[in-house]
């Protein structure tokens, strides 16, 4: 997704974010984004574990 941005584009985006939100609000936004990403990863991991567990249970039922 971000593979085509490059360093100059990233610097431009960060500079615009700093100008728009200000230095006080930017860390709060970063923390909120990090927390959201953490929750998303956790949910994805739990869903994957549930699906794998269900598949194992179905295989056990079929093998009996």
C-alpha atoms as a PDB file:
ATOM      1  CA  UNK A   1       0.000   0.000   0.000  1.00  0.00           C
ATOM      2  CA  UNK A   2       2.708   2.492   0.995  1.00  0.00           C
ATOM      3  CA  UNK A   3       5.452   0.974  -1.139  1.00  0.00           C
ATOM      4  CA  UNK A   4       5.270   3.736  -3.771  1.00  0.00           C
ATOM      5  CA  UNK A   5       5.449   6.715  -1.388  1.00  0.00           C
ATOM      6  CA  UNK A   6       9.190   6.879  -0.801  1.00  0.00           C
ATOM      7  CA  UNK A   7      11.105   9.033   1.663  1.00  0.00           C
ATOM      8  CA  UNK A   8      10.252  12.463   0.166  1.00  0.00           C
ATOM      9  CA  UNK A   9       6.546  11.626   0.097  1.00  0.00           C
ATOM     10  CA  UNK A  10       6.644  10.376   3.667  1.00  0.00           C
ATOM     11  CA  UNK A  11       8.384  13.559   4.827  1.00  0.00           C
ATOM     12  CA  UNK A  12       5.759  15.647   3.038  1.00  0.00           C
ATOM     13  CA  UNK A  13       2.905  13.714   4.667  1.00  0.00           C
ATOM     14  CA  UNK A  14       4.450  14.027   8.129  1.00  0.00           C
ATOM     15  CA  UNK A  15       5.051  17.758   7.631  1.00  0.00           C
ATOM     16  CA  UNK A  16       1.458  18.324   6.529  1.00  0.00           C
ATOM     17  CA  UNK A  17       0.168  16.326   9.494  1.00  0.00           C
ATOM     18  CA  UNK A  18       2.305  18.410  11.837  1.00  0.00           C
ATOM     19  CA  UNK A  19       0.994  21.641  10.319  1.00  0.00           C
ATOM     20  CA  UNK A  20      -2.649  20.529  10.328  1.00  0.00           C
ATOM     21  CA  UNK A  21      -2.830  18.897  13.772  1.00  0.00           C
ATOM     22  CA  UNK A  22      -0.056  20.686  15.621  1.00  0.00           C
ATOM     23  CA  UNK A  23       2.692  19.276  17.809  1.00  0.00           C
ATOM     24  CA  UNK A  24       0.418  18.694  20.821  1.00  0.00           C
ATOM     25  CA  UNK A  25      -2.255  16.696  19.014  1.00  0.00           C
ATOM     26  CA  UNK A  26       0.051  14.569  16.829  1.00  0.00           C
ATOM     27  CA  UNK A  27       1.244  12.185  19.617  1.00  0.00           C
ATOM     28  CA  UNK A  28      -2.369  11.603  20.666  1.00  0.00           C
ATOM     29  CA  UNK A  29      -3.314  10.721  17.114  1.00  0.00           C
ATOM     30  CA  UNK A  30      -0.311   8.380  16.869  1.00  0.00           C
ATOM     31  CA  UNK A  31      -1.256   6.613  20.093  1.00  0.00           C
ATOM     32  CA  UNK A  32      -4.857   6.216  18.969  1.00  0.00           C
ATOM     33  CA  UNK A  33      -3.720   4.814  15.624  1.00  0.00           C
ATOM     34  CA  UNK A  34      -1.333   2.410  17.346  1.00  0.00           C
ATOM     35  CA  UNK A  35      -4.034   1.234  19.744  1.00  0.00           C
ATOM     36  CA  UNK A  36      -6.445   0.688  16.853  1.00  0.00           C
ATOM     37  CA  UNK A  37      -3.850  -1.299  14.941  1.00  0.00           C
ATOM     38  CA  UNK A  38      -3.092  -3.387  18.032  1.00  0.00           C
ATOM     39  CA  UNK A  39      -6.787  -4.215  18.527  1.00  0.00           C
ATOM     40  CA  UNK A  40      -7.171  -5.095  14.845  1.00  0.00           C
ATOM     41  CA  UNK A  41      -4.207  -7.480  14.987  1.00  0.00           C
ATOM     42  CA  UNK A  42      -5.552  -9.072  18.155  1.00  0.00           C
ATOM     43  CA  UNK A  43      -8.991  -9.606  16.610  1.00  0.00           C
ATOM     44  CA  UNK A  44      -7.473 -11.053  13.454  1.00  0.00           C
ATOM     45  CA  UNK A  45      -5.308 -13.427  15.461  1.00  0.00           C
ATOM     46  CA  UNK A  46      -8.284 -14.593  17.558  1.00  0.00           C
ATOM     47  CA  UNK A  47     -10.400 -15.157  14.463  1.00  0.00           C
ATOM     48  CA  UNK A  48      -7.629 -17.147  12.811  1.00  0.00           C
ATOM     49  CA  UNK A  49      -7.169 -19.266  15.938  1.00  0.00           C
ATOM     50  CA  UNK A  50     -10.905 -19.965  16.085  1.00  0.00           C
ATOM     51  CA  UNK A  51     -11.018 -21.048  12.453  1.00  0.00           C
ATOM     52  CA  UNK A  52      -7.993 -23.319  12.880  1.00  0.00           C
ATOM     53  CA  UNK A  53      -9.555 -24.854  15.988  1.00  0.00           C
ATOM     54  CA  UNK A  54     -12.828 -25.494  14.142  1.00  0.00           C
ATOM     55  CA  UNK A  55     -10.988 -27.137  11.262  1.00  0.00           C
ATOM     56  CA  UNK A  56      -9.119 -29.434  13.668  1.00  0.00           C
ATOM     57  CA  UNK A  57     -12.393 -30.414  15.363  1.00  0.00           C
ATOM     58  CA  UNK A  58     -14.006 -31.212  12.001  1.00  0.00           C
ATOM     59  CA  UNK A  59     -11.017 -33.356  10.987  1.00  0.00           C
ATOM     60  CA  UNK A  60     -11.275 -35.278  14.251  1.00  0.00           C
ATOM     61  CA  UNK A  61     -14.998 -35.881  13.697  1.00  0.00           C
ATOM     62  CA  UNK A  62     -14.395 -37.110  10.151  1.00  0.00           C
ATOM     63  CA  UNK A  63     -11.555 -39.439  11.157  1.00  0.00           C
ATOM     64  CA  UNK A  64     -13.705 -41.286  13.731  1.00  0.00           C
END
